[in-house]
Amino acid sequence: MRPNTATAWALMYRGRIIALGKPPELKDQLRARSIMDLVSLDPLESMKALEGIGGVREIAVFGGGLHLTVEDPGKTGGRIREVLRGKGIAIRSLELIPPSMEDVFVAMIEEEEKKAS
């Protein structure tokens, strides 16, 4: 069953609400970020290979693949392909996608972690 998008969602983290709003409003907060969905034959090795490369801001496991928050999808997409090819990791797909609610929540939790540091 799909959630009613007219209903507000809340995200609690460490005992307090860090986000409250309707899904479209919460997704708008990630408008400045570009998210790429990467499906490769080895997600764990892909994650290790891509950590710290220029243009990739965040990497999160998403289902059987990875969601990458990138600065410039055009340039970074090529860099991702090059790095994984160099490591012998085959890519099934790499595409720019709109953020999901999970992407929103992961980004908000990561922001809270940065504030706490």
PDB file of N, CA and C in Angstrom:
ATOM      1  N   MET A   1       0.830  -1.172   0.000  1.00  0.00           N
ATOM      2  CA  MET A   1       0.000   0.000   0.000  1.00  0.00           C
ATOM      3  C   MET A   1       0.879   1.243   0.000  1.00  0.00           C
ATOM      4  N   ARG A   2       0.591   2.182  -0.867  1.00  0.00           N
ATOM      5  CA  ARG A   2       1.366   3.422  -0.964  1.00  0.00           C
ATOM      6  C   ARG A   2       0.865   4.430   0.051  1.00  0.00           C
ATOM      7  N   PRO A   3       1.789   5.157   0.677  1.00  0.00           N
ATOM      8  CA  PRO A   3       1.366   6.174   1.634  1.00  0.00           C
ATOM      9  C   PRO A   3       0.616   7.297   0.946  1.00  0.00           C
ATOM     10  N   ASN A   4      -0.301   7.908   1.644  1.00  0.00           N
ATOM     11  CA  ASN A   4      -1.036   9.053   1.154  1.00  0.00           C
ATOM     12  C   ASN A   4      -0.095  10.253   1.156  1.00  0.00           C
ATOM     13  N   THR A   5       0.147  10.828  -0.021  1.00  0.00           N
ATOM     14  CA  THR A   5       1.102  11.928  -0.103  1.00  0.00           C
ATOM     15  C   THR A   5       0.564  13.213   0.500  1.00  0.00           C
ATOM     16  N   ALA A   6      -0.728  13.251   0.848  1.00  0.00           N
ATOM     17  CA  ALA A   6      -1.292  14.436   1.492  1.00  0.00           C
ATOM     18  C   ALA A   6      -0.991  14.438   2.989  1.00  0.00           C
ATOM     19  N   THR A   7      -0.531  13.317   3.500  1.00  0.00           N
ATOM     20  CA  THR A   7      -0.234  13.186   4.918  1.00  0.00           C
ATOM     21  C   THR A   7       1.193  13.636   5.193  1.00  0.00           C
ATOM     22  N   ALA A   8       1.370  14.363   6.280  1.00  0.00           N
ATOM     23  CA  ALA A   8       2.717  14.785   6.670  1.00  0.00           C
ATOM     24  C   ALA A   8       3.485  13.601   7.237  1.00  0.00           C
ATOM     25  N   TRP A   9       4.758  13.557   6.973  1.00  0.00           N
ATOM     26  CA  TRP A   9       5.657  12.543   7.499  1.00  0.00           C
ATOM     27  C   TRP A   9       6.572  13.208   8.516  1.00  0.00           C
ATOM     28  N   ALA A  10       6.983  12.435   9.491  1.00  0.00           N
ATOM     29  CA  ALA A  10       7.939  12.936  10.479  1.00  0.00           C
ATOM     30  C   ALA A  10       9.106  11.963  10.571  1.00  0.00           C
ATOM     31  N   LEU A  11      10.278  12.510  10.760  1.00  0.00           N
ATOM     32  CA  LEU A  11      11.469  11.690  10.963  1.00  0.00           C
ATOM     33  C   LEU A  11      12.008  11.995  12.347  1.00  0.00           C
ATOM     34  N   MET A  12      12.036  10.967  13.180  1.00  0.00           N
ATOM     35  CA  MET A  12      12.612  11.115  14.516  1.00  0.00           C
ATOM     36  C   MET A  12      14.006  10.517  14.500  1.00  0.00           C
ATOM     37  N   TYR A  13      14.912  11.227  15.159  1.00  0.00           N
ATOM     38  CA  TYR A  13      16.288  10.768  15.257  1.00  0.00           C
ATOM     39  C   TYR A  13      16.817  11.185  16.611  1.00  0.00           C
ATOM     40  N   ARG A  14      17.342  10.229  17.330  1.00  0.00           N
ATOM     41  CA  ARG A  14      17.870  10.472  18.673  1.00  0.00           C
ATOM     42  C   ARG A  14      16.856  11.163  19.584  1.00  0.00           C
ATOM     43  N   GLY A  15      15.617  10.713  19.473  1.00  0.00           N
ATOM     44  CA  GLY A  15      14.574  11.176  20.382  1.00  0.00           C
ATOM     45  C   GLY A  15      13.922  12.497  20.036  1.00  0.00           C
ATOM     46  N   ARG A  16      14.218  13.046  18.861  1.00  0.00           N
ATOM     47  CA  ARG A  16      13.564  14.295  18.487  1.00  0.00           C
ATOM     48  C   ARG A  16      13.232  14.297  16.996  1.00  0.00           C
ATOM     49  N   ILE A  17      12.231  15.086  16.651  1.00  0.00           N
ATOM     50  CA  ILE A  17      11.819  15.194  15.249  1.00  0.00           C
ATOM     51  C   ILE A  17      12.794  16.120  14.538  1.00  0.00           C
ATOM     52  N   ILE A  18      13.397  15.603  13.465  1.00  0.00           N
ATOM     53  CA  ILE A  18      14.340  16.427  12.694  1.00  0.00           C
ATOM     54  C   ILE A  18      13.747  16.853  11.354  1.00  0.00           C
ATOM     55  N   ALA A  19      12.615  16.261  10.968  1.00  0.00           N
ATOM     56  CA  ALA A  19      11.957  16.647   9.718  1.00  0.00           C
ATOM     57  C   ALA A  19      10.472  16.382   9.847  1.00  0.00           C
ATOM     58  N   LEU A  20       9.687  17.300   9.321  1.00  0.00           N
ATOM     59  CA  LEU A  20       8.239  17.161   9.334  1.00  0.00           C
ATOM     60  C   LEU A  20       7.698  17.835   8.089  1.00  0.00           C
ATOM     61  N   GLY A  21       6.913  17.113   7.312  1.00  0.00           N
ATOM     62  CA  GLY A  21       6.319  17.702   6.116  1.00  0.00           C
ATOM     63  C   GLY A  21       5.754  16.641   5.201  1.00  0.00           C
ATOM     64  N   LYS A  22       5.137  17.103   4.152  1.00  0.00           N
ATOM     65  CA  LYS A  22       4.597  16.203   3.133  1.00  0.00           C
ATOM     66  C   LYS A  22       5.761  15.750   2.245  1.00  0.00           C
ATOM     67  N   PRO A  23       5.684  14.542   1.695  1.00  0.00           N
ATOM     68  CA  PRO A  23       6.797  14.042   0.877  1.00  0.00           C
ATOM     69  C   PRO A  23       7.311  15.015  -0.184  1.00  0.00           C
ATOM     70  N   PRO A  24       6.439  15.660  -0.978  1.00  0.00           N
ATOM     71  CA  PRO A  24       7.003  16.595  -1.975  1.00  0.00           C
ATOM     72  C   PRO A  24       7.792  17.743  -1.342  1.00  0.00           C
ATOM     73  N   GLU A  25       7.340  18.225  -0.181  1.00  0.00           N
ATOM     74  CA  GLU A  25       8.054  19.304   0.501  1.00  0.00           C
ATOM     75  C   GLU A  25       9.422  18.830   0.990  1.00  0.00           C
ATOM     76  N   LEU A  26       9.458  17.634   1.544  1.00  0.00           N
ATOM     77  CA  LEU A  26      10.722  17.098   2.051  1.00  0.00           C
ATOM     78  C   LEU A  26      11.694  16.817   0.907  1.00  0.00           C
ATOM     79  N   LYS A  27      11.163  16.306  -0.200  1.00  0.00           N
ATOM     80  CA  LYS A  27      12.020  16.025  -1.361  1.00  0.00           C
ATOM     81  C   LYS A  27      12.589  17.314  -1.948  1.00  0.00           C
ATOM     82  N   ASP A  28      11.830  18.404  -1.872  1.00  0.00           N
ATOM     83  CA  ASP A  28      12.314  19.686  -2.382  1.00  0.00           C
ATOM     84  C   ASP A  28      13.579  20.135  -1.667  1.00  0.00           C
ATOM     85  N   GLN A  29      13.761  19.698  -0.420  1.00  0.00           N
ATOM     86  CA  GLN A  29      14.952  20.071   0.327  1.00  0.00           C
ATOM     87  C   GLN A  29      16.214  19.470  -0.297  1.00  0.00           C
ATOM     88  N   LEU A  30      16.058  18.435  -1.122  1.00  0.00           N
ATOM     89  CA  LEU A  30      17.209  17.806  -1.787  1.00  0.00           C
ATOM     90  C   LEU A  30      17.345  18.263  -3.231  1.00  0.00           C
ATOM     91  N   ARG A  31      16.603  19.270  -3.619  1.00  0.00           N
ATOM     92  CA  ARG A  31      16.611  19.716  -5.011  1.00  0.00           C
ATOM     93  C   ARG A  31      18.009  20.080  -5.496  1.00  0.00           C
ATOM     94  N   ALA A  32      18.830  20.628  -4.622  1.00  0.00           N
ATOM     95  CA  ALA A  32      20.186  21.037  -5.014  1.00  0.00           C
ATOM     96  C   ALA A  32      21.130  19.854  -5.147  1.00  0.00           C
ATOM     97  N   ARG A  33      20.689  18.672  -4.741  1.00  0.00           N
ATOM     98  CA  ARG A  33      21.548  17.488  -4.814  1.00  0.00           C
ATOM     99  C   ARG A  33      21.143  16.622  -6.004  1.00  0.00           C
ATOM    100  N   SER A  34      22.125  16.008  -6.621  1.00  0.00           N
ATOM    101  CA  SER A  34      21.865  15.066  -7.707  1.00  0.00           C
ATOM    102  C   SER A  34      22.133  13.666  -7.177  1.00  0.00           C
ATOM    103  N   ILE A  35      21.182  12.772  -7.420  1.00  0.00           N
ATOM    104  CA  ILE A  35      21.316  11.400  -6.933  1.00  0.00           C
ATOM    105  C   ILE A  35      21.362  10.456  -8.123  1.00  0.00           C
ATOM    106  N   MET A  36      22.365   9.590  -8.101  1.00  0.00           N
ATOM    107  CA  MET A  36      22.509   8.582  -9.148  1.00  0.00           C
ATOM    108  C   MET A  36      22.311   7.206  -8.536  1.00  0.00           C
ATOM    109  N   ASP A  37      21.582   6.384  -9.247  1.00  0.00           N
ATOM    110  CA  ASP A  37      21.356   5.002  -8.836  1.00  0.00           C
ATOM    111  C   ASP A  37      22.375   4.135  -9.571  1.00  0.00           C
ATOM    112  N   LEU A  38      23.169   3.397  -8.806  1.00  0.00           N
ATOM    113  CA  LEU A  38      24.195   2.527  -9.375  1.00  0.00           C
ATOM    114  C   LEU A  38      23.870   1.083  -9.048  1.00  0.00           C
ATOM    115  N   VAL A  39      23.761   0.276 -10.084  1.00  0.00           N
ATOM    116  CA  VAL A  39      23.613  -1.165  -9.904  1.00  0.00           C
ATOM    117  C   VAL A  39      24.826  -1.802 -10.560  1.00  0.00           C
ATOM    118  N   SER A  40      25.622  -2.484  -9.749  1.00  0.00           N
ATOM    119  CA  SER A  40      26.822  -3.142 -10.264  1.00  0.00           C
ATOM    120  C   SER A  40      26.809  -4.606  -9.842  1.00  0.00           C
ATOM    121  N   LEU A  41      27.747  -5.362 -10.377  1.00  0.00           N
ATOM    122  CA  LEU A  41      27.820  -6.775 -10.012  1.00  0.00           C
ATOM    123  C   LEU A  41      28.378  -6.978  -8.613  1.00  0.00           C
ATOM    124  N   ASP A  42      29.012  -5.948  -8.033  1.00  0.00           N
ATOM    125  CA  ASP A  42      29.564  -6.062  -6.681  1.00  0.00           C
ATOM    126  C   ASP A  42      29.378  -4.735  -5.937  1.00  0.00           C
ATOM    127  N   PRO A  43      28.190  -4.538  -5.316  1.00  0.00           N
ATOM    128  CA  PRO A  43      27.918  -3.266  -4.646  1.00  0.00           C
ATOM    129  C   PRO A  43      28.908  -2.917  -3.538  1.00  0.00           C
ATOM    130  N   LEU A  44      29.325  -3.871  -2.736  1.00  0.00           N
ATOM    131  CA  LEU A  44      30.241  -3.580  -1.638  1.00  0.00           C
ATOM    132  C   LEU A  44      31.589  -3.094  -2.165  1.00  0.00           C
ATOM    133  N   GLU A  45      32.143  -3.780  -3.155  1.00  0.00           N
ATOM    134  CA  GLU A  45      33.421  -3.348  -3.738  1.00  0.00           C
ATOM    135  C   GLU A  45      33.263  -2.024  -4.475  1.00  0.00           C
ATOM    136  N   SER A  46      32.090  -1.808  -5.079  1.00  0.00           N
ATOM    137  CA  SER A  46      31.828  -0.523  -5.738  1.00  0.00           C
ATOM    138  C   SER A  46      31.858   0.604  -4.721  1.00  0.00           C
ATOM    139  N   MET A  47      31.231   0.384  -3.576  1.00  0.00           N
ATOM    140  CA  MET A  47      31.211   1.391  -2.524  1.00  0.00           C
ATOM    141  C   MET A  47      32.629   1.717  -2.063  1.00  0.00           C
ATOM    142  N   LYS A  48      33.419   0.687  -1.828  1.00  0.00           N
ATOM    143  CA  LYS A  48      34.803   0.894  -1.401  1.00  0.00           C
ATOM    144  C   LYS A  48      35.600   1.661  -2.453  1.00  0.00           C
ATOM    145  N   ALA A  49      35.395   1.303  -3.723  1.00  0.00           N
ATOM    146  CA  ALA A  49      36.154   1.926  -4.811  1.00  0.00           C
ATOM    147  C   ALA A  49      35.790   3.397  -4.993  1.00  0.00           C
ATOM    148  N   LEU A  50      34.544   3.755  -4.697  1.00  0.00           N
ATOM    149  CA  LEU A  50      34.076   5.113  -4.961  1.00  0.00           C
ATOM    150  C   LEU A  50      34.218   6.068  -3.778  1.00  0.00           C
ATOM    151  N   GLU A  51      34.501   5.538  -2.599  1.00  0.00           N
ATOM    152  CA  GLU A  51      34.667   6.403  -1.432  1.00  0.00           C
ATOM    153  C   GLU A  51      35.841   7.343  -1.648  1.00  0.00           C
ATOM    154  N   GLY A  52      35.571   8.616  -1.497  1.00  0.00           N
ATOM    155  CA  GLY A  52      36.637   9.604  -1.585  1.00  0.00           C
ATOM    156  C   GLY A  52      36.972  10.103  -2.978  1.00  0.00           C
ATOM    157  N   ILE A  53      36.298   9.619  -4.029  1.00  0.00           N
ATOM    158  CA  ILE A  53      36.621  10.155  -5.354  1.00  0.00           C
ATOM    159  C   ILE A  53      35.938  11.508  -5.527  1.00  0.00           C
ATOM    160  N   GLY A  54      36.574  12.364  -6.276  1.00  0.00           N
ATOM    161  CA  GLY A  54      36.034  13.696  -6.515  1.00  0.00           C
ATOM    162  C   GLY A  54      34.664  13.650  -7.155  1.00  0.00           C
ATOM    163  N   GLY A  55      33.771  14.496  -6.662  1.00  0.00           N
ATOM    164  CA  GLY A  55      32.430  14.591  -7.226  1.00  0.00           C
ATOM    165  C   GLY A  55      31.386  13.741  -6.527  1.00  0.00           C
ATOM    166  N   VAL A  56      31.818  12.726  -5.766  1.00  0.00           N
ATOM    167  CA  VAL A  56      30.877  11.880  -5.031  1.00  0.00           C
ATOM    168  C   VAL A  56      30.840  12.378  -3.592  1.00  0.00           C
ATOM    169  N   ARG A  57      29.688  12.916  -3.181  1.00  0.00           N
ATOM    170  CA  ARG A  57      29.562  13.482  -1.832  1.00  0.00           C
ATOM    171  C   ARG A  57      29.146  12.433  -0.805  1.00  0.00           C
ATOM    172  N   GLU A  58      28.226  11.556  -1.188  1.00  0.00           N
ATOM    173  CA  GLU A  58      27.720  10.549  -0.252  1.00  0.00           C
ATOM    174  C   GLU A  58      27.413   9.262  -1.016  1.00  0.00           C
ATOM    175  N   ILE A  59      27.529   8.139  -0.324  1.00  0.00           N
ATOM    176  CA  ILE A  59      27.196   6.831  -0.884  1.00  0.00           C
ATOM    177  C   ILE A  59      26.329   6.114   0.138  1.00  0.00           C
ATOM    178  N   ALA A  60      25.186   5.599  -0.309  1.00  0.00           N
ATOM    179  CA  ALA A  60      24.296   4.863   0.591  1.00  0.00           C
ATOM    180  C   ALA A  60      23.816   3.588  -0.098  1.00  0.00           C
ATOM    181  N   VAL A  61      23.758   2.501   0.665  1.00  0.00           N
ATOM    182  CA  VAL A  61      23.209   1.249   0.145  1.00  0.00           C
ATOM    183  C   VAL A  61      21.710   1.453  -0.037  1.00  0.00           C
ATOM    184  N   PHE A  62      21.205   1.031  -1.172  1.00  0.00           N
ATOM    185  CA  PHE A  62      19.787   1.181  -1.467  1.00  0.00           C
ATOM    186  C   PHE A  62      19.341  -0.076  -2.206  1.00  0.00           C
ATOM    187  N   GLY A  63      18.600  -0.928  -1.508  1.00  0.00           N
ATOM    188  CA  GLY A  63      18.197  -2.199  -2.112  1.00  0.00           C
ATOM    189  C   GLY A  63      19.424  -3.012  -2.459  1.00  0.00           C
ATOM    190  N   GLY A  64      19.512  -3.481  -3.686  1.00  0.00           N
ATOM    191  CA  GLY A  64      20.661  -4.257  -4.138  1.00  0.00           C
ATOM    192  C   GLY A  64      21.735  -3.418  -4.792  1.00  0.00           C
ATOM    193  N   GLY A  65      21.578  -2.093  -4.706  1.00  0.00           N
ATOM    194  CA  GLY A  65      22.541  -1.206  -5.350  1.00  0.00           C
ATOM    195  C   GLY A  65      22.967  -0.087  -4.422  1.00  0.00           C
ATOM    196  N   LEU A  66      23.379   1.019  -5.036  1.00  0.00           N
ATOM    197  CA  LEU A  66      23.858   2.170  -4.279  1.00  0.00           C
ATOM    198  C   LEU A  66      23.197   3.438  -4.796  1.00  0.00           C
ATOM    199  N   HIS A  67      22.956   4.373  -3.897  1.00  0.00           N
ATOM    200  CA  HIS A  67      22.565   5.718  -4.284  1.00  0.00           C
ATOM    201  C   HIS A  67      23.743   6.624  -3.983  1.00  0.00           C
ATOM    202  N   LEU A  68      24.159   7.362  -4.998  1.00  0.00           N
ATOM    203  CA  LEU A  68      25.306   8.248  -4.896  1.00  0.00           C
ATOM    204  C   LEU A  68      24.831   9.690  -5.008  1.00  0.00           C
ATOM    205  N   THR A  69      25.170  10.509  -4.034  1.00  0.00           N
ATOM    206  CA  THR A  69      24.905  11.937  -4.133  1.00  0.00           C
ATOM    207  C   THR A  69      26.140  12.545  -4.770  1.00  0.00           C
ATOM    208  N   VAL A  70      25.931  13.185  -5.920  1.00  0.00           N
ATOM    209  CA  VAL A  70      27.062  13.681  -6.707  1.00  0.00           C
ATOM    210  C   VAL A  70      26.923  15.172  -6.979  1.00  0.00           C
ATOM    211  N   GLU A  71      28.050  15.810  -7.252  1.00  0.00           N
ATOM    212  CA  GLU A  71      28.068  17.246  -7.528  1.00  0.00           C
ATOM    213  C   GLU A  71      27.645  17.553  -8.960  1.00  0.00           C
ATOM    214  N   ASP A  72      28.172  16.857  -9.918  1.00  0.00           N
ATOM    215  CA  ASP A  72      27.888  17.100 -11.330  1.00  0.00           C
ATOM    216  C   ASP A  72      27.703  15.741 -12.000  1.00  0.00           C
ATOM    217  N   PRO A  73      26.443  15.338 -12.249  1.00  0.00           N
ATOM    218  CA  PRO A  73      26.205  13.994 -12.792  1.00  0.00           C
ATOM    219  C   PRO A  73      26.944  13.708 -14.097  1.00  0.00           C
ATOM    220  N   GLY A  74      27.058  14.701 -14.981  1.00  0.00           N
ATOM    221  CA  GLY A  74      27.736  14.474 -16.254  1.00  0.00           C
ATOM    222  C   GLY A  74      29.193  14.108 -16.078  1.00  0.00           C
ATOM    223  N   LYS A  75      29.917  14.921 -15.333  1.00  0.00           N
ATOM    224  CA  LYS A  75      31.336  14.663 -15.101  1.00  0.00           C
ATOM    225  C   LYS A  75      31.553  13.482 -14.167  1.00  0.00           C
ATOM    226  N   THR A  76      30.783  13.448 -13.097  1.00  0.00           N
ATOM    227  CA  THR A  76      30.994  12.406 -12.087  1.00  0.00           C
ATOM    228  C   THR A  76      30.589  11.043 -12.598  1.00  0.00           C
ATOM    229  N   GLY A  77      29.550  10.973 -13.434  1.00  0.00           N
ATOM    230  CA  GLY A  77      29.138   9.687 -14.001  1.00  0.00           C
ATOM    231  C   GLY A  77      30.272   9.032 -14.777  1.00  0.00           C
ATOM    232  N   GLY A  78      30.977   9.827 -15.569  1.00  0.00           N
ATOM    233  CA  GLY A  78      32.122   9.300 -16.314  1.00  0.00           C
ATOM    234  C   GLY A  78      33.236   8.838 -15.388  1.00  0.00           C
ATOM    235  N   ARG A  79      33.475   9.613 -14.321  1.00  0.00           N
ATOM    236  CA  ARG A  79      34.515   9.254 -13.357  1.00  0.00           C
ATOM    237  C   ARG A  79      34.145   7.944 -12.648  1.00  0.00           C
ATOM    238  N   ILE A  80      32.882   7.780 -12.293  1.00  0.00           N
ATOM    239  CA  ILE A  80      32.411   6.551 -11.638  1.00  0.00           C
ATOM    240  C   ILE A  80      32.656   5.352 -12.541  1.00  0.00           C
ATOM    241  N   ARG A  81      32.276   5.492 -13.804  1.00  0.00           N
ATOM    242  CA  ARG A  81      32.473   4.388 -14.764  1.00  0.00           C
ATOM    243  C   ARG A  81      33.961   4.042 -14.901  1.00  0.00           C
ATOM    244  N   GLU A  82      34.780   5.073 -14.976  1.00  0.00           N
ATOM    245  CA  GLU A  82      36.223   4.874 -15.135  1.00  0.00           C
ATOM    246  C   GLU A  82      36.825   4.152 -13.923  1.00  0.00           C
ATOM    247  N   VAL A  83      36.471   4.590 -12.721  1.00  0.00           N
ATOM    248  CA  VAL A  83      37.011   3.981 -11.503  1.00  0.00           C
ATOM    249  C   VAL A  83      36.589   2.517 -11.398  1.00  0.00           C
ATOM    250  N   LEU A  84      35.304   2.250 -11.634  1.00  0.00           N
ATOM    251  CA  LEU A  84      34.833   0.864 -11.501  1.00  0.00           C
ATOM    252  C   LEU A  84      35.405  -0.030 -12.601  1.00  0.00           C
ATOM    253  N   ARG A  85      35.530   0.506 -13.795  1.00  0.00           N
ATOM    254  CA  ARG A  85      36.154  -0.271 -14.890  1.00  0.00           C
ATOM    255  C   ARG A  85      37.584  -0.630 -14.511  1.00  0.00           C
ATOM    256  N   GLY A  86      38.302   0.333 -13.923  1.00  0.00           N
ATOM    257  CA  GLY A  86      39.680   0.100 -13.499  1.00  0.00           C
ATOM    258  C   GLY A  86      39.800  -0.966 -12.418  1.00  0.00           C
ATOM    259  N   LYS A  87      38.755  -1.139 -11.625  1.00  0.00           N
ATOM    260  CA  LYS A  87      38.735  -2.160 -10.570  1.00  0.00           C
ATOM    261  C   LYS A  87      38.132  -3.477 -11.067  1.00  0.00           C
ATOM    262  N   GLY A  88      37.729  -3.516 -12.340  1.00  0.00           N
ATOM    263  CA  GLY A  88      37.145  -4.733 -12.897  1.00  0.00           C
ATOM    264  C   GLY A  88      35.722  -5.002 -12.432  1.00  0.00           C
ATOM    265  N   ILE A  89      35.000  -3.956 -12.036  1.00  0.00           N
ATOM    266  CA  ILE A  89      33.627  -4.106 -11.556  1.00  0.00           C
ATOM    267  C   ILE A  89      32.664  -3.701 -12.664  1.00  0.00           C
ATOM    268  N   ALA A  90      31.832  -4.643 -13.085  1.00  0.00           N
ATOM    269  CA  ALA A  90      30.878  -4.387 -14.159  1.00  0.00           C
ATOM    270  C   ALA A  90      29.679  -3.594 -13.634  1.00  0.00           C
ATOM    271  N   ILE A  91      29.244  -2.610 -14.418  1.00  0.00           N
ATOM    272  CA  ILE A  91      28.086  -1.787 -14.082  1.00  0.00           C
ATOM    273  C   ILE A  91      26.885  -2.285 -14.878  1.00  0.00           C
ATOM    274  N   ARG A  92      25.811  -2.567 -14.171  1.00  0.00           N
ATOM    275  CA  ARG A  92      24.560  -2.931 -14.857  1.00  0.00           C
ATOM    276  C   ARG A  92      23.816  -1.680 -15.287  1.00  0.00           C
ATOM    277  N   SER A  93      23.759  -0.685 -14.385  1.00  0.00           N
ATOM    278  CA  SER A  93      23.132   0.586 -14.741  1.00  0.00           C
ATOM    279  C   SER A  93      23.648   1.691 -13.830  1.00  0.00           C
ATOM    280  N   LEU A  94      23.672   2.899 -14.383  1.00  0.00           N
ATOM    281  CA  LEU A  94      24.043   4.098 -13.655  1.00  0.00           C
ATOM    282  C   LEU A  94      23.197   5.212 -14.236  1.00  0.00           C
ATOM    283  N   GLU A  95      22.255   5.721 -13.415  1.00  0.00           N
ATOM    284  CA  GLU A  95      21.353   6.738 -13.944  1.00  0.00           C
ATOM    285  C   GLU A  95      20.989   7.776 -12.891  1.00  0.00           C
ATOM    286  N   LEU A  96      20.710   8.971 -13.362  1.00  0.00           N
ATOM    287  CA  LEU A  96      20.262  10.058 -12.510  1.00  0.00           C
ATOM    288  C   LEU A  96      18.799   9.803 -12.161  1.00  0.00           C
ATOM    289  N   ILE A  97      18.459   9.929 -10.878  1.00  0.00           N
ATOM    290  CA  ILE A  97      17.084   9.650 -10.437  1.00  0.00           C
ATOM    291  C   ILE A  97      16.598  10.772  -9.516  1.00  0.00           C
ATOM    292  N   PRO A  98      15.262  10.908  -9.387  1.00  0.00           N
ATOM    293  CA  PRO A  98      14.748  11.842  -8.379  1.00  0.00           C
ATOM    294  C   PRO A  98      14.944  11.223  -6.994  1.00  0.00           C
ATOM    295  N   PRO A  99      15.086  12.036  -5.950  1.00  0.00           N
ATOM    296  CA  PRO A  99      15.288  11.471  -4.613  1.00  0.00           C
ATOM    297  C   PRO A  99      14.046  10.741  -4.109  1.00  0.00           C
ATOM    298  N   SER A 100      14.272   9.638  -3.413  1.00  0.00           N
ATOM    299  CA  SER A 100      13.194   8.904  -2.752  1.00  0.00           C
ATOM    300  C   SER A 100      13.072   9.432  -1.325  1.00  0.00           C
ATOM    301  N   MET A 101      12.042   9.035  -0.618  1.00  0.00           N
ATOM    302  CA  MET A 101      11.915   9.439   0.789  1.00  0.00           C
ATOM    303  C   MET A 101      13.073   8.870   1.598  1.00  0.00           C
ATOM    304  N   GLU A 102      13.537   7.681   1.256  1.00  0.00           N
ATOM    305  CA  GLU A 102      14.688   7.125   1.968  1.00  0.00           C
ATOM    306  C   GLU A 102      15.921   8.005   1.765  1.00  0.00           C
ATOM    307  N   ASP A 103      16.118   8.508   0.533  1.00  0.00           N
ATOM    308  CA  ASP A 103      17.233   9.413   0.273  1.00  0.00           C
ATOM    309  C   ASP A 103      17.118  10.666   1.133  1.00  0.00           C
ATOM    310  N   VAL A 104      15.900  11.194   1.251  1.00  0.00           N
ATOM    311  CA  VAL A 104      15.665  12.384   2.066  1.00  0.00           C
ATOM    312  C   VAL A 104      16.050  12.112   3.516  1.00  0.00           C
ATOM    313  N   PHE A 105      15.576  11.003   4.055  1.00  0.00           N
ATOM    314  CA  PHE A 105      15.845  10.686   5.448  1.00  0.00           C
ATOM    315  C   PHE A 105      17.330  10.424   5.704  1.00  0.00           C
ATOM    316  N   VAL A 106      17.987   9.728   4.800  1.00  0.00           N
ATOM    317  CA  VAL A 106      19.425   9.481   4.950  1.00  0.00           C
ATOM    318  C   VAL A 106      20.178  10.801   4.960  1.00  0.00           C
ATOM    319  N   ALA A 107      19.830  11.715   4.045  1.00  0.00           N
ATOM    320  CA  ALA A 107      20.505  13.012   3.978  1.00  0.00           C
ATOM    321  C   ALA A 107      20.284  13.818   5.256  1.00  0.00           C
ATOM    322  N   MET A 108      19.075  13.769   5.780  1.00  0.00           N
ATOM    323  CA  MET A 108      18.781  14.540   6.999  1.00  0.00           C
ATOM    324  C   MET A 108      19.508  13.972   8.215  1.00  0.00           C
ATOM    325  N   ILE A 109      19.580  12.670   8.293  1.00  0.00           N
ATOM    326  CA  ILE A 109      20.304  12.045   9.410  1.00  0.00           C
ATOM    327  C   ILE A 109      21.793  12.366   9.310  1.00  0.00           C
ATOM    328  N   GLU A 110      22.338  12.322   8.095  1.00  0.00           N
ATOM    329  CA  GLU A 110      23.749  12.656   7.918  1.00  0.00           C
ATOM    330  C   GLU A 110      24.021  14.109   8.308  1.00  0.00           C
ATOM    331  N   GLU A 111      23.095  15.016   8.009  1.00  0.00           N
ATOM    332  CA  GLU A 111      23.252  16.411   8.408  1.00  0.00           C
ATOM    333  C   GLU A 111      23.261  16.534   9.929  1.00  0.00           C
ATOM    334  N   GLU A 112      22.389  15.777  10.602  1.00  0.00           N
ATOM    335  CA  GLU A 112      22.354  15.799  12.061  1.00  0.00           C
ATOM    336  C   GLU A 112      23.657  15.267  12.644  1.00  0.00           C
ATOM    337  N   GLU A 113      24.208  14.230  12.025  1.00  0.00           N
ATOM    338  CA  GLU A 113      25.485  13.670  12.478  1.00  0.00           C
ATOM    339  C   GLU A 113      26.596  14.709  12.341  1.00  0.00           C
ATOM    340  N   LYS A 114      26.599  15.454  11.243  1.00  0.00           N
ATOM    341  CA  LYS A 114      27.625  16.490  11.048  1.00  0.00           C
ATOM    342  C   LYS A 114      27.505  17.570  12.106  1.00  0.00           C
ATOM    343  N   LYS A 115      26.269  17.950  12.450  1.00  0.00           N
ATOM    344  CA  LYS A 115      26.056  18.972  13.476  1.00  0.00           C
ATOM    345  C   LYS A 115      26.559  18.497  14.840  1.00  0.00           C
ATOM    346  N   ALA A 116      26.393  17.196  15.110  1.00  0.00           N
ATOM    347  CA  ALA A 116      26.785  16.641  16.411  1.00  0.00           C
ATOM    348  C   ALA A 116      28.298  16.493  16.551  1.00  0.00           C
ATOM    349  N   SER A 117      29.018  16.470  15.431  1.00  0.00           N
ATOM    350  CA  SER A 117      30.473  16.266  15.459  1.00  0.00           C
ATOM    351  C   SER A 117      31.217  17.487  15.921  1.00  0.00           C
TER     352      SER A 117
END
